[in-house]
């Protein structure tokens, strides 16, 4: 369970914006955003202890036909804080592609965590 709640605010001029609120614990998260397991550059966070504004510039190279999923996580604890998807191109069938892409990304994160756990406990 995450110590944080992430709320999407908007996408404006190619920048995804959201609010990150601490719901328990202390400290500031080390936010990392990935697209196809590639970290995005230029992610910014501002605000006071307990509540921050998050700004994620969407690279033009990430925009193409289909569903593009961006994962937002706390790199320190490797806990997923949230995600957002961008769908482009031909009409999508009831957003099932977005859900499948998100499930694949979450499964990849679980596999990495399980492998790390196995190495640490061996």
PDB file of N, CA and C in Angstrom:
ATOM      1  N   UNK A   1       0.846  -1.183   0.000  1.00  0.00           N
ATOM      2  CA  UNK A   1       0.000   0.000   0.000  1.00  0.00           C
ATOM      3  C   UNK A   1       0.886   1.238   0.000  1.00  0.00           C
ATOM      4  N   UNK A   2       0.543   2.188  -0.786  1.00  0.00           N
ATOM      5  CA  UNK A   2       1.332   3.406  -0.908  1.00  0.00           C
ATOM      6  C   UNK A   2       1.019   4.374   0.230  1.00  0.00           C
ATOM      7  N   UNK A   3       2.023   5.127   0.590  1.00  0.00           N
ATOM      8  CA  UNK A   3       1.845   6.183   1.585  1.00  0.00           C
ATOM      9  C   UNK A   3       1.342   7.462   0.938  1.00  0.00           C
ATOM     10  N   UNK A   4       1.150   7.435  -0.377  1.00  0.00           N
ATOM     11  CA  UNK A   4       0.793   8.626  -1.136  1.00  0.00           C
ATOM     12  C   UNK A   4      -0.445   8.387  -1.986  1.00  0.00           C
ATOM     13  N   UNK A   5      -1.150   9.482  -2.285  1.00  0.00           N
ATOM     14  CA  UNK A   5      -2.288   9.451  -3.204  1.00  0.00           C
ATOM     15  C   UNK A   5      -1.973  10.419  -4.340  1.00  0.00           C
ATOM     16  N   UNK A   6      -2.107   9.940  -5.564  1.00  0.00           N
ATOM     17  CA  UNK A   6      -1.827  10.751  -6.744  1.00  0.00           C
ATOM     18  C   UNK A   6      -3.132  11.056  -7.456  1.00  0.00           C
ATOM     19  N   UNK A   7      -3.380  12.339  -7.699  1.00  0.00           N
ATOM     20  CA  UNK A   7      -4.595  12.779  -8.367  1.00  0.00           C
ATOM     21  C   UNK A   7      -4.217  13.513  -9.647  1.00  0.00           C
ATOM     22  N   UNK A   8      -4.769  13.069 -10.765  1.00  0.00           N
ATOM     23  CA  UNK A   8      -4.518  13.737 -12.042  1.00  0.00           C
ATOM     24  C   UNK A   8      -5.217  15.081 -12.058  1.00  0.00           C
ATOM     25  N   UNK A   9      -4.487  16.101 -12.495  1.00  0.00           N
ATOM     26  CA  UNK A   9      -5.076  17.430 -12.614  1.00  0.00           C
ATOM     27  C   UNK A   9      -5.475  17.707 -14.059  1.00  0.00           C
ATOM     28  N   UNK A  10      -4.488  17.588 -14.972  1.00  0.00           N
ATOM     29  CA  UNK A  10      -4.772  17.847 -16.385  1.00  0.00           C
ATOM     30  C   UNK A  10      -3.540  17.527 -17.217  1.00  0.00           C
ATOM     31  N   UNK A  11      -3.738  17.527 -18.539  1.00  0.00           N
ATOM     32  CA  UNK A  11      -2.627  17.555 -19.490  1.00  0.00           C
ATOM     33  C   UNK A  11      -2.784  18.868 -20.240  1.00  0.00           C
ATOM     34  N   UNK A  12      -1.737  19.682 -20.201  1.00  0.00           N
ATOM     35  CA  UNK A  12      -1.798  21.001 -20.819  1.00  0.00           C
ATOM     36  C   UNK A  12      -0.476  21.281 -21.512  1.00  0.00           C
ATOM     37  N   UNK A  13      -0.557  21.614 -22.789  1.00  0.00           N
ATOM     38  CA  UNK A  13       0.609  21.955 -23.597  1.00  0.00           C
ATOM     39  C   UNK A  13       1.709  20.894 -23.494  1.00  0.00           C
ATOM     40  N   UNK A  14       1.297  19.630 -23.567  1.00  0.00           N
ATOM     41  CA  UNK A  14       2.248  18.536 -23.579  1.00  0.00           C
ATOM     42  C   UNK A  14       2.834  18.160 -22.230  1.00  0.00           C
ATOM     43  N   UNK A  15       2.235  18.666 -21.147  1.00  0.00           N
ATOM     44  CA  UNK A  15       2.723  18.355 -19.803  1.00  0.00           C
ATOM     45  C   UNK A  15       1.571  17.768 -18.987  1.00  0.00           C
ATOM     46  N   UNK A  16       1.791  16.537 -18.475  1.00  0.00           N
ATOM     47  CA  UNK A  16       0.826  15.940 -17.565  1.00  0.00           C
ATOM     48  C   UNK A  16       1.042  16.568 -16.198  1.00  0.00           C
ATOM     49  N   UNK A  17      -0.049  16.926 -15.523  1.00  0.00           N
ATOM     50  CA  UNK A  17       0.039  17.546 -14.206  1.00  0.00           C
ATOM     51  C   UNK A  17      -0.812  16.774 -13.210  1.00  0.00           C
ATOM     52  N   UNK A  18      -0.305  16.661 -11.991  1.00  0.00           N
ATOM     53  CA  UNK A  18      -1.047  15.983 -10.941  1.00  0.00           C
ATOM     54  C   UNK A  18      -0.657  16.485  -9.574  1.00  0.00           C
ATOM     55  N   UNK A  19      -1.412  16.062  -8.575  1.00  0.00           N
ATOM     56  CA  UNK A  19      -1.149  16.411  -7.183  1.00  0.00           C
ATOM     57  C   UNK A  19      -0.836  15.143  -6.419  1.00  0.00           C
ATOM     58  N   UNK A  20       0.276  15.148  -5.706  1.00  0.00           N
ATOM     59  CA  UNK A  20       0.708  14.016  -4.901  1.00  0.00           C
ATOM     60  C   UNK A  20       0.562  14.407  -3.436  1.00  0.00           C
ATOM     61  N   UNK A  21      -0.227  13.635  -2.688  1.00  0.00           N
ATOM     62  CA  UNK A  21      -0.507  13.928  -1.289  1.00  0.00           C
ATOM     63  C   UNK A  21      -0.044  12.776  -0.418  1.00  0.00           C
ATOM     64  N   UNK A  22       0.693  13.091   0.635  1.00  0.00           N
ATOM     65  CA  UNK A  22       1.112  12.055   1.585  1.00  0.00           C
ATOM     66  C   UNK A  22      -0.065  11.749   2.502  1.00  0.00           C
ATOM     67  N   UNK A  23      -0.429  10.460   2.612  1.00  0.00           N
ATOM     68  CA  UNK A  23      -1.543  10.082   3.472  1.00  0.00           C
ATOM     69  C   UNK A  23      -1.062   9.417   4.756  1.00  0.00           C
ATOM     70  N   UNK A  24       0.215   9.028   4.781  1.00  0.00           N
ATOM     71  CA  UNK A  24       0.798   8.498   6.016  1.00  0.00           C
ATOM     72  C   UNK A  24       2.313   8.567   5.898  1.00  0.00           C
ATOM     73  N   UNK A  25       2.979   8.442   7.019  1.00  0.00           N
ATOM     74  CA  UNK A  25       4.440   8.447   7.018  1.00  0.00           C
ATOM     75  C   UNK A  25       5.028   9.840   6.923  1.00  0.00           C
ATOM     76  N   UNK A  26       6.322   9.877   6.646  1.00  0.00           N
ATOM     77  CA  UNK A  26       7.038  11.140   6.534  1.00  0.00           C
ATOM     78  C   UNK A  26       7.955  11.087   5.328  1.00  0.00           C
ATOM     79  N   UNK A  27       8.539  12.206   5.002  1.00  0.00           N
ATOM     80  CA  UNK A  27       9.514  12.253   3.926  1.00  0.00           C
ATOM     81  C   UNK A  27       8.912  12.671   2.602  1.00  0.00           C
ATOM     82  N   UNK A  28       9.792  12.769   1.611  1.00  0.00           N
ATOM     83  CA  UNK A  28       9.417  13.164   0.265  1.00  0.00           C
ATOM     84  C   UNK A  28       9.703  12.005  -0.677  1.00  0.00           C
ATOM     85  N   UNK A  29       8.752  11.645  -1.535  1.00  0.00           N
ATOM     86  CA  UNK A  29       8.992  10.521  -2.439  1.00  0.00           C
ATOM     87  C   UNK A  29      10.014  10.880  -3.514  1.00  0.00           C
ATOM     88  N   UNK A  30      10.704   9.868  -3.995  1.00  0.00           N
ATOM     89  CA  UNK A  30      11.630  10.008  -5.115  1.00  0.00           C
ATOM     90  C   UNK A  30      10.862   9.558  -6.351  1.00  0.00           C
ATOM     91  N   UNK A  31      10.177  10.492  -6.995  1.00  0.00           N
ATOM     92  CA  UNK A  31       9.263  10.170  -8.084  1.00  0.00           C
ATOM     93  C   UNK A  31      10.034   9.890  -9.371  1.00  0.00           C
ATOM     94  N   UNK A  32       9.672   8.774 -10.006  1.00  0.00           N
ATOM     95  CA  UNK A  32      10.231   8.398 -11.304  1.00  0.00           C
ATOM     96  C   UNK A  32       9.077   8.065 -12.236  1.00  0.00           C
ATOM     97  N   UNK A  33       9.186   8.509 -13.487  1.00  0.00           N
ATOM     98  CA  UNK A  33       8.147   8.231 -14.479  1.00  0.00           C
ATOM     99  C   UNK A  33       8.802   7.483 -15.631  1.00  0.00           C
ATOM    100  N   UNK A  34       8.154   6.391 -16.073  1.00  0.00           N
ATOM    101  CA  UNK A  34       8.696   5.605 -17.169  1.00  0.00           C
ATOM    102  C   UNK A  34       7.664   5.410 -18.267  1.00  0.00           C
ATOM    103  N   UNK A  35       8.177   5.215 -19.471  1.00  0.00           N
ATOM    104  CA  UNK A  35       7.370   4.858 -20.636  1.00  0.00           C
ATOM    105  C   UNK A  35       8.107   3.721 -21.319  1.00  0.00           C
ATOM    106  N   UNK A  36       7.506   2.561 -21.390  1.00  0.00           N
ATOM    107  CA  UNK A  36       8.162   1.346 -21.911  1.00  0.00           C
ATOM    108  C   UNK A  36       9.473   1.081 -21.174  1.00  0.00           C
ATOM    109  N   UNK A  37       9.432   1.180 -19.857  1.00  0.00           N
ATOM    110  CA  UNK A  37      10.593   0.954 -18.986  1.00  0.00           C
ATOM    111  C   UNK A  37      11.741   1.946 -19.208  1.00  0.00           C
ATOM    112  N   UNK A  38      11.501   3.023 -19.939  1.00  0.00           N
ATOM    113  CA  UNK A  38      12.511   4.058 -20.153  1.00  0.00           C
ATOM    114  C   UNK A  38      12.166   5.258 -19.285  1.00  0.00           C
ATOM    115  N   UNK A  39      13.072   5.680 -18.400  1.00  0.00           N
ATOM    116  CA  UNK A  39      12.796   6.843 -17.544  1.00  0.00           C
ATOM    117  C   UNK A  39      12.641   8.117 -18.376  1.00  0.00           C
ATOM    118  N   UNK A  40      11.704   8.957 -17.977  1.00  0.00           N
ATOM    119  CA  UNK A  40      11.497  10.239 -18.645  1.00  0.00           C
ATOM    120  C   UNK A  40      12.327  11.316 -17.976  1.00  0.00           C
ATOM    121  N   UNK A  41      12.860  12.206 -18.774  1.00  0.00           N
ATOM    122  CA  UNK A  41      13.619  13.343 -18.261  1.00  0.00           C
ATOM    123  C   UNK A  41      12.686  14.531 -18.046  1.00  0.00           C
ATOM    124  N   UNK A  42      13.092  15.445 -17.188  1.00  0.00           N
ATOM    125  CA  UNK A  42      12.373  16.693 -16.998  1.00  0.00           C
ATOM    126  C   UNK A  42      11.213  16.638 -16.027  1.00  0.00           C
ATOM    127  N   UNK A  43      11.041  15.523 -15.314  1.00  0.00           N
ATOM    128  CA  UNK A  43       9.957  15.423 -14.334  1.00  0.00           C
ATOM    129  C   UNK A  43      10.256  16.383 -13.186  1.00  0.00           C
ATOM    130  N   UNK A  44       9.282  17.214 -12.835  1.00  0.00           N
ATOM    131  CA  UNK A  44       9.467  18.200 -11.771  1.00  0.00           C
ATOM    132  C   UNK A  44       8.402  18.047 -10.699  1.00  0.00           C
ATOM    133  N   UNK A  45       8.809  18.339  -9.474  1.00  0.00           N
ATOM    134  CA  UNK A  45       7.895  18.275  -8.346  1.00  0.00           C
ATOM    135  C   UNK A  45       8.129  19.525  -7.502  1.00  0.00           C
ATOM    136  N   UNK A  46       7.049  20.188  -7.127  1.00  0.00           N
ATOM    137  CA  UNK A  46       7.178  21.376  -6.280  1.00  0.00           C
ATOM    138  C   UNK A  46       6.075  21.361  -5.242  1.00  0.00           C
ATOM    139  N   UNK A  47       6.311  22.041  -4.153  1.00  0.00           N
ATOM    140  CA  UNK A  47       5.286  22.138  -3.123  1.00  0.00           C
ATOM    141  C   UNK A  47       5.879  22.036  -1.742  1.00  0.00           C
ATOM    142  N   UNK A  48       4.993  21.899  -0.781  1.00  0.00           N
ATOM    143  CA  UNK A  48       5.385  21.843   0.616  1.00  0.00           C
ATOM    144  C   UNK A  48       5.302  20.413   1.120  1.00  0.00           C
ATOM    145  N   UNK A  49       5.827  20.188   2.300  1.00  0.00           N
ATOM    146  CA  UNK A  49       5.802  18.849   2.902  1.00  0.00           C
ATOM    147  C   UNK A  49       4.363  18.351   2.990  1.00  0.00           C
ATOM    148  N   UNK A  50       4.138  17.185   2.453  1.00  0.00           N
ATOM    149  CA  UNK A  50       2.819  16.572   2.530  1.00  0.00           C
ATOM    150  C   UNK A  50       1.990  16.702   1.275  1.00  0.00           C
ATOM    151  N   UNK A  51       2.257  17.720   0.436  1.00  0.00           N
ATOM    152  CA  UNK A  51       1.508  17.875  -0.811  1.00  0.00           C
ATOM    153  C   UNK A  51       2.391  18.540  -1.853  1.00  0.00           C
ATOM    154  N   UNK A  52       2.458  17.892  -3.024  1.00  0.00           N
ATOM    155  CA  UNK A  52       3.327  18.384  -4.090  1.00  0.00           C
ATOM    156  C   UNK A  52       2.573  18.402  -5.407  1.00  0.00           C
ATOM    157  N   UNK A  53       2.987  19.318  -6.287  1.00  0.00           N
ATOM    158  CA  UNK A  53       2.498  19.355  -7.668  1.00  0.00           C
ATOM    159  C   UNK A  53       3.534  18.626  -8.509  1.00  0.00           C
ATOM    160  N   UNK A  54       3.071  17.746  -9.370  1.00  0.00           N
ATOM    161  CA  UNK A  54       3.946  16.946 -10.205  1.00  0.00           C
ATOM    162  C   UNK A  54       3.729  17.338 -11.660  1.00  0.00           C
ATOM    163  N   UNK A  55       4.834  17.562 -12.385  1.00  0.00           N
ATOM    164  CA  UNK A  55       4.794  17.963 -13.786  1.00  0.00           C
ATOM    165  C   UNK A  55       5.624  16.973 -14.598  1.00  0.00           C
ATOM    166  N   UNK A  56       4.979  16.331 -15.576  1.00  0.00           N
ATOM    167  CA  UNK A  56       5.652  15.326 -16.393  1.00  0.00           C
ATOM    168  C   UNK A  56       5.552  15.752 -17.862  1.00  0.00           C
ATOM    169  N   UNK A  57       6.663  16.254 -18.439  1.00  0.00           N
ATOM    170  CA  UNK A  57       6.643  16.586 -19.862  1.00  0.00           C
ATOM    171  C   UNK A  57       6.530  15.306 -20.692  1.00  0.00           C
ATOM    172  N   UNK A  58       5.611  15.301 -21.644  1.00  0.00           N
ATOM    173  CA  UNK A  58       5.402  14.130 -22.486  1.00  0.00           C
ATOM    174  C   UNK A  58       6.271  14.286 -23.734  1.00  0.00           C
ATOM    175  N   UNK A  59       7.263  13.402 -23.905  1.00  0.00           N
ATOM    176  CA  UNK A  59       8.145  13.542 -25.060  1.00  0.00           C
ATOM    177  C   UNK A  59       7.402  13.258 -26.371  1.00  0.00           C
ATOM    178  N   UNK A  60       7.677  14.053 -27.392  1.00  0.00           N
ATOM    179  CA  UNK A  60       7.024  13.882 -28.690  1.00  0.00           C
ATOM    180  C   UNK A  60       7.283  12.486 -29.250  1.00  0.00           C
ATOM    181  N   UNK A  61       8.451  11.926 -28.972  1.00  0.00           N
ATOM    182  CA  UNK A  61       8.784  10.595 -29.466  1.00  0.00           C
ATOM    183  C   UNK A  61       7.928   9.492 -28.864  1.00  0.00           C
ATOM    184  N   UNK A  62       7.248   9.784 -27.763  1.00  0.00           N
ATOM    185  CA  UNK A  62       6.393   8.776 -27.120  1.00  0.00           C
ATOM    186  C   UNK A  62       4.985   8.768 -27.702  1.00  0.00           C
ATOM    187  N   UNK A  63       4.680   9.731 -28.540  1.00  0.00           N
ATOM    188  CA  UNK A  63       3.342   9.838 -29.105  1.00  0.00           C
ATOM    189  C   UNK A  63       3.291   9.133 -30.452  1.00  0.00           C
ATOM    190  N   UNK A  64       2.472   8.097 -30.519  1.00  0.00           N
ATOM    191  CA  UNK A  64       2.285   7.353 -31.766  1.00  0.00           C
ATOM    192  C   UNK A  64       0.942   6.643 -31.694  1.00  0.00           C
ATOM    193  N   UNK A  65       0.569   5.994 -32.792  1.00  0.00           N
ATOM    194  CA  UNK A  65      -0.706   5.270 -32.823  1.00  0.00           C
ATOM    195  C   UNK A  65      -0.771   4.258 -31.693  1.00  0.00           C
ATOM    196  N   UNK A  66      -1.948   4.077 -31.160  1.00  0.00           N
ATOM    197  CA  UNK A  66      -2.159   3.111 -30.095  1.00  0.00           C
ATOM    198  C   UNK A  66      -2.191   3.772 -28.731  1.00  0.00           C
ATOM    199  N   UNK A  67      -2.028   2.959 -27.713  1.00  0.00           N
ATOM    200  CA  UNK A  67      -2.090   3.417 -26.337  1.00  0.00           C
ATOM    201  C   UNK A  67      -0.681   3.500 -25.777  1.00  0.00           C
ATOM    202  N   UNK A  68      -0.339   4.636 -25.227  1.00  0.00           N
ATOM    203  CA  UNK A  68       0.955   4.830 -24.595  1.00  0.00           C
ATOM    204  C   UNK A  68       0.713   4.994 -23.096  1.00  0.00           C
ATOM    205  N   UNK A  69       1.338   4.140 -22.292  1.00  0.00           N
ATOM    206  CA  UNK A  69       1.135   4.145 -20.849  1.00  0.00           C
ATOM    207  C   UNK A  69       2.382   4.663 -20.153  1.00  0.00           C
ATOM    208  N   UNK A  70       2.188   5.582 -19.234  1.00  0.00           N
ATOM    209  CA  UNK A  70       3.266   6.160 -18.446  1.00  0.00           C
ATOM    210  C   UNK A  70       3.042   5.765 -16.993  1.00  0.00           C
ATOM    211  N   UNK A  71       4.041   5.153 -16.376  1.00  0.00           N
ATOM    212  CA  UNK A  71       3.938   4.717 -14.986  1.00  0.00           C
ATOM    213  C   UNK A  71       4.646   5.709 -14.077  1.00  0.00           C
ATOM    214  N   UNK A  72       4.001   6.061 -12.979  1.00  0.00           N
ATOM    215  CA  UNK A  72       4.559   6.980 -11.996  1.00  0.00           C
ATOM    216  C   UNK A  72       4.764   6.184 -10.715  1.00  0.00           C
ATOM    217  N   UNK A  73       6.003   6.153 -10.216  1.00  0.00           N
ATOM    218  CA  UNK A  73       6.288   5.348  -9.034  1.00  0.00           C
ATOM    219  C   UNK A  73       7.243   6.080  -8.109  1.00  0.00           C
ATOM    220  N   UNK A  74       7.263   5.599  -6.883  1.00  0.00           N
ATOM    221  CA  UNK A  74       8.234   6.065  -5.894  1.00  0.00           C
ATOM    222  C   UNK A  74       9.465   5.190  -6.075  1.00  0.00           C
ATOM    223  N   UNK A  75      10.527   5.741  -6.637  1.00  0.00           N
ATOM    224  CA  UNK A  75      11.728   4.958  -6.947  1.00  0.00           C
ATOM    225  C   UNK A  75      12.387   4.414  -5.685  1.00  0.00           C
ATOM    226  N   UNK A  76      12.237   5.087  -4.569  1.00  0.00           N
ATOM    227  CA  UNK A  76      12.845   4.632  -3.332  1.00  0.00           C
ATOM    228  C   UNK A  76      12.242   3.336  -2.825  1.00  0.00           C
ATOM    229  N   UNK A  77      10.923   3.215  -2.894  1.00  0.00           N
ATOM    230  CA  UNK A  77      10.249   2.006  -2.402  1.00  0.00           C
ATOM    231  C   UNK A  77       9.760   1.108  -3.529  1.00  0.00           C
ATOM    232  N   UNK A  78       9.897   1.566  -4.784  1.00  0.00           N
ATOM    233  CA  UNK A  78       9.431   0.853  -5.969  1.00  0.00           C
ATOM    234  C   UNK A  78       7.938   0.557  -5.906  1.00  0.00           C
ATOM    235  N   UNK A  79       7.178   1.493  -5.320  1.00  0.00           N
ATOM    236  CA  UNK A  79       5.722   1.382  -5.235  1.00  0.00           C
ATOM    237  C   UNK A  79       5.115   2.256  -6.321  1.00  0.00           C
ATOM    238  N   UNK A  80       4.163   1.692  -7.063  1.00  0.00           N
ATOM    239  CA  UNK A  80       3.501   2.475  -8.088  1.00  0.00           C
ATOM    240  C   UNK A  80       2.554   3.476  -7.442  1.00  0.00           C
ATOM    241  N   UNK A  81       2.708   4.749  -7.822  1.00  0.00           N
ATOM    242  CA  UNK A  81       1.860   5.815  -7.301  1.00  0.00           C
ATOM    243  C   UNK A  81       0.653   6.046  -8.207  1.00  0.00           C
ATOM    244  N   UNK A  82       0.832   5.781  -9.492  1.00  0.00           N
ATOM    245  CA  UNK A  82      -0.248   5.997 -10.444  1.00  0.00           C
ATOM    246  C   UNK A  82       0.250   5.809 -11.860  1.00  0.00           C
ATOM    247  N   UNK A  83      -0.596   6.163 -12.808  1.00  0.00           N
ATOM    248  CA  UNK A  83      -0.242   6.054 -14.211  1.00  0.00           C
ATOM    249  C   UNK A  83      -1.180   6.941 -15.020  1.00  0.00           C
ATOM    250  N   UNK A  84      -0.803   7.166 -16.267  1.00  0.00           N
ATOM    251  CA  UNK A  84      -1.716   7.807 -17.192  1.00  0.00           C
ATOM    252  C   UNK A  84      -1.457   7.249 -18.582  1.00  0.00           C
ATOM    253  N   UNK A  85      -2.496   7.248 -19.396  1.00  0.00           N
ATOM    254  CA  UNK A  85      -2.418   6.692 -20.747  1.00  0.00           C
ATOM    255  C   UNK A  85      -2.821   7.753 -21.756  1.00  0.00           C
ATOM    256  N   UNK A  86      -2.212   7.673 -22.927  1.00  0.00           N
ATOM    257  CA  UNK A  86      -2.586   8.521 -24.049  1.00  0.00           C
ATOM    258  C   UNK A  86      -2.919   7.590 -25.207  1.00  0.00           C
ATOM    259  N   UNK A  87      -4.131   7.717 -25.750  1.00  0.00           N
ATOM    260  CA  UNK A  87      -4.576   6.879 -26.864  1.00  0.00           C
ATOM    261  C   UNK A  87      -4.676   7.745 -28.114  1.00  0.00           C
ATOM    262  N   UNK A  88      -4.061   7.260 -29.188  1.00  0.00           N
ATOM    263  CA  UNK A  88      -4.063   8.019 -30.438  1.00  0.00           C
ATOM    264  C   UNK A  88      -4.310   7.073 -31.610  1.00  0.00           C
ATOM    265  N   UNK A  89      -4.703   7.627 -32.716  1.00  0.00           N
ATOM    266  CA  UNK A  89      -4.878   6.826 -33.917  1.00  0.00           C
ATOM    267  C   UNK A  89      -6.298   6.335 -34.069  1.00  0.00           C
ATOM    268  N   UNK A  90      -6.416   5.182 -34.714  1.00  0.00           N
ATOM    269  CA  UNK A  90      -7.740   4.608 -34.979  1.00  0.00           C
ATOM    270  C   UNK A  90      -8.537   4.434 -33.692  1.00  0.00           C
ATOM    271  N   UNK A  91      -9.847   4.424 -33.851  1.00  0.00           N
ATOM    272  CA  UNK A  91     -10.734   4.279 -32.688  1.00  0.00           C
ATOM    273  C   UNK A  91     -10.362   3.028 -31.896  1.00  0.00           C
ATOM    274  N   UNK A  92     -10.302   3.171 -30.601  1.00  0.00           N
ATOM    275  CA  UNK A  92      -9.933   2.062 -29.723  1.00  0.00           C
ATOM    276  C   UNK A  92     -11.195   1.377 -29.200  1.00  0.00           C
ATOM    277  N   UNK A  93     -11.102   0.089 -29.034  1.00  0.00           N
ATOM    278  CA  UNK A  93     -12.247  -0.694 -28.610  1.00  0.00           C
ATOM    279  C   UNK A  93     -12.417  -0.624 -27.097  1.00  0.00           C
ATOM    280  N   UNK A  94     -13.260   0.301 -26.637  1.00  0.00           N
ATOM    281  CA  UNK A  94     -13.665   0.441 -25.236  1.00  0.00           C
ATOM    282  C   UNK A  94     -12.479   0.495 -24.272  1.00  0.00           C
ATOM    283  N   UNK A  95     -11.404   1.078 -24.712  1.00  0.00           N
ATOM    284  CA  UNK A  95     -10.217   1.294 -23.877  1.00  0.00           C
ATOM    285  C   UNK A  95      -9.595   0.006 -23.330  1.00  0.00           C
ATOM    286  N   UNK A  96      -9.935  -1.145 -23.892  1.00  0.00           N
ATOM    287  CA  UNK A  96      -9.369  -2.399 -23.395  1.00  0.00           C
ATOM    288  C   UNK A  96      -7.867  -2.440 -23.644  1.00  0.00           C
ATOM    289  N   UNK A  97      -7.416  -1.803 -24.701  1.00  0.00           N
ATOM    290  CA  UNK A  97      -5.980  -1.779 -24.982  1.00  0.00           C
ATOM    291  C   UNK A  97      -5.227  -1.028 -23.901  1.00  0.00           C
ATOM    292  N   UNK A  98      -5.801   0.055 -23.429  1.00  0.00           N
ATOM    293  CA  UNK A  98      -5.151   0.816 -22.359  1.00  0.00           C
ATOM    294  C   UNK A  98      -5.032  -0.037 -21.101  1.00  0.00           C
ATOM    295  N   UNK A  99      -6.085  -0.756 -20.774  1.00  0.00           N
ATOM    296  CA  UNK A  99      -6.052  -1.616 -19.593  1.00  0.00           C
ATOM    297  C   UNK A  99      -5.025  -2.733 -19.745  1.00  0.00           C
ATOM    298  N   UNK A 100      -4.946  -3.341 -20.925  1.00  0.00           N
ATOM    299  CA  UNK A 100      -3.972  -4.411 -21.163  1.00  0.00           C
ATOM    300  C   UNK A 100      -2.546  -3.882 -21.069  1.00  0.00           C
ATOM    301  N   UNK A 101      -2.306  -2.709 -21.619  1.00  0.00           N
ATOM    302  CA  UNK A 101      -0.969  -2.112 -21.562  1.00  0.00           C
ATOM    303  C   UNK A 101      -0.581  -1.823 -20.115  1.00  0.00           C
ATOM    304  N   UNK A 102      -1.518  -1.320 -19.333  1.00  0.00           N
ATOM    305  CA  UNK A 102      -1.255  -1.048 -17.920  1.00  0.00           C
ATOM    306  C   UNK A 102      -0.992  -2.346 -17.159  1.00  0.00           C
ATOM    307  N   UNK A 103      -1.773  -3.384 -17.422  1.00  0.00           N
ATOM    308  CA  UNK A 103      -1.558  -4.670 -16.764  1.00  0.00           C
ATOM    309  C   UNK A 103      -0.185  -5.245 -17.106  1.00  0.00           C
ATOM    310  N   UNK A 104       0.240  -5.121 -18.356  1.00  0.00           N
ATOM    311  CA  UNK A 104       1.571  -5.596 -18.746  1.00  0.00           C
ATOM    312  C   UNK A 104       2.653  -4.836 -17.994  1.00  0.00           C
ATOM    313  N   UNK A 105       2.510  -3.529 -17.901  1.00  0.00           N
ATOM    314  CA  UNK A 105       3.509  -2.718 -17.201  1.00  0.00           C
ATOM    315  C   UNK A 105       3.567  -3.081 -15.717  1.00  0.00           C
ATOM    316  N   UNK A 106       2.406  -3.294 -15.099  1.00  0.00           N
ATOM    317  CA  UNK A 106       2.385  -3.681 -13.685  1.00  0.00           C
ATOM    318  C   UNK A 106       2.966  -5.068 -13.482  1.00  0.00           C
ATOM    319  N   UNK A 107       2.692  -5.983 -14.406  1.00  0.00           N
ATOM    320  CA  UNK A 107       3.261  -7.319 -14.314  1.00  0.00           C
ATOM    321  C   UNK A 107       4.787  -7.273 -14.422  1.00  0.00           C
ATOM    322  N   UNK A 108       5.300  -6.439 -15.309  1.00  0.00           N
ATOM    323  CA  UNK A 108       6.757  -6.292 -15.424  1.00  0.00           C
ATOM    324  C   UNK A 108       7.357  -5.766 -14.129  1.00  0.00           C
ATOM    325  N   UNK A 109       6.685  -4.810 -13.480  1.00  0.00           N
ATOM    326  CA  UNK A 109       7.176  -4.272 -12.221  1.00  0.00           C
ATOM    327  C   UNK A 109       7.144  -5.356 -11.135  1.00  0.00           C
ATOM    328  N   UNK A 110       6.091  -6.158 -11.102  1.00  0.00           N
ATOM    329  CA  UNK A 110       6.002  -7.247 -10.126  1.00  0.00           C
ATOM    330  C   UNK A 110       7.102  -8.284 -10.349  1.00  0.00           C
ATOM    331  N   UNK A 111       7.392  -8.593 -11.606  1.00  0.00           N
ATOM    332  CA  UNK A 111       8.452  -9.553 -11.901  1.00  0.00           C
ATOM    333  C   UNK A 111       9.797  -9.041 -11.396  1.00  0.00           C
ATOM    334  N   UNK A 112      10.078  -7.760 -11.622  1.00  0.00           N
ATOM    335  CA  UNK A 112      11.344  -7.187 -11.141  1.00  0.00           C
ATOM    336  C   UNK A 112      11.418  -7.250  -9.623  1.00  0.00           C
ATOM    337  N   UNK A 113      10.325  -6.919  -8.948  1.00  0.00           N
ATOM    338  CA  UNK A 113      10.312  -6.939  -7.485  1.00  0.00           C
ATOM    339  C   UNK A 113      10.482  -8.363  -6.963  1.00  0.00           C
ATOM    340  N   UNK A 114       9.844  -9.335  -7.601  1.00  0.00           N
ATOM    341  CA  UNK A 114       9.961 -10.723  -7.177  1.00  0.00           C
ATOM    342  C   UNK A 114      11.385 -11.232  -7.374  1.00  0.00           C
ATOM    343  N   UNK A 115      11.975 -10.910  -8.510  1.00  0.00           N
ATOM    344  CA  UNK A 115      13.358 -11.332  -8.758  1.00  0.00           C
ATOM    345  C   UNK A 115      14.317 -10.714  -7.735  1.00  0.00           C
ATOM    346  N   UNK A 116      14.106  -9.435  -7.420  1.00  0.00           N
ATOM    347  CA  UNK A 116      14.953  -8.758  -6.445  1.00  0.00           C
ATOM    348  C   UNK A 116      14.783  -9.428  -5.073  1.00  0.00           C
ATOM    349  N   UNK A 117      13.538  -9.763  -4.725  1.00  0.00           N
ATOM    350  CA  UNK A 117      13.263 -10.443  -3.462  1.00  0.00           C
ATOM    351  C   UNK A 117      13.971 -11.789  -3.399  1.00  0.00           C
ATOM    352  N   UNK A 118      13.922 -12.553  -4.476  1.00  0.00           N
ATOM    353  CA  UNK A 118      14.573 -13.864  -4.523  1.00  0.00           C
ATOM    354  C   UNK A 118      16.080 -13.737  -4.343  1.00  0.00           C
ATOM    355  N   UNK A 119      16.680 -12.735  -4.965  1.00  0.00           N
ATOM    356  CA  UNK A 119      18.120 -12.533  -4.831  1.00  0.00           C
ATOM    357  C   UNK A 119      18.483 -12.125  -3.419  1.00  0.00           C
ATOM    358  N   UNK A 120      17.665 -11.269  -2.809  1.00  0.00           N
ATOM    359  CA  UNK A 120      17.951 -10.779  -1.471  1.00  0.00           C
ATOM    360  C   UNK A 120      17.768 -11.851  -0.402  1.00  0.00           C
ATOM    361  N   UNK A 121      16.862 -12.792  -0.616  1.00  0.00           N
ATOM    362  CA  UNK A 121      16.582 -13.809   0.400  1.00  0.00           C
ATOM    363  C   UNK A 121      17.336 -15.119   0.167  1.00  0.00           C
ATOM    364  N   UNK A 122      18.047 -15.191  -0.956  1.00  0.00           N
ATOM    365  CA  UNK A 122      18.781 -16.443  -1.253  1.00  0.00           C
ATOM    366  C   UNK A 122      20.027 -16.584  -0.402  1.00  0.00           C
TER     367      UNK A 122
END
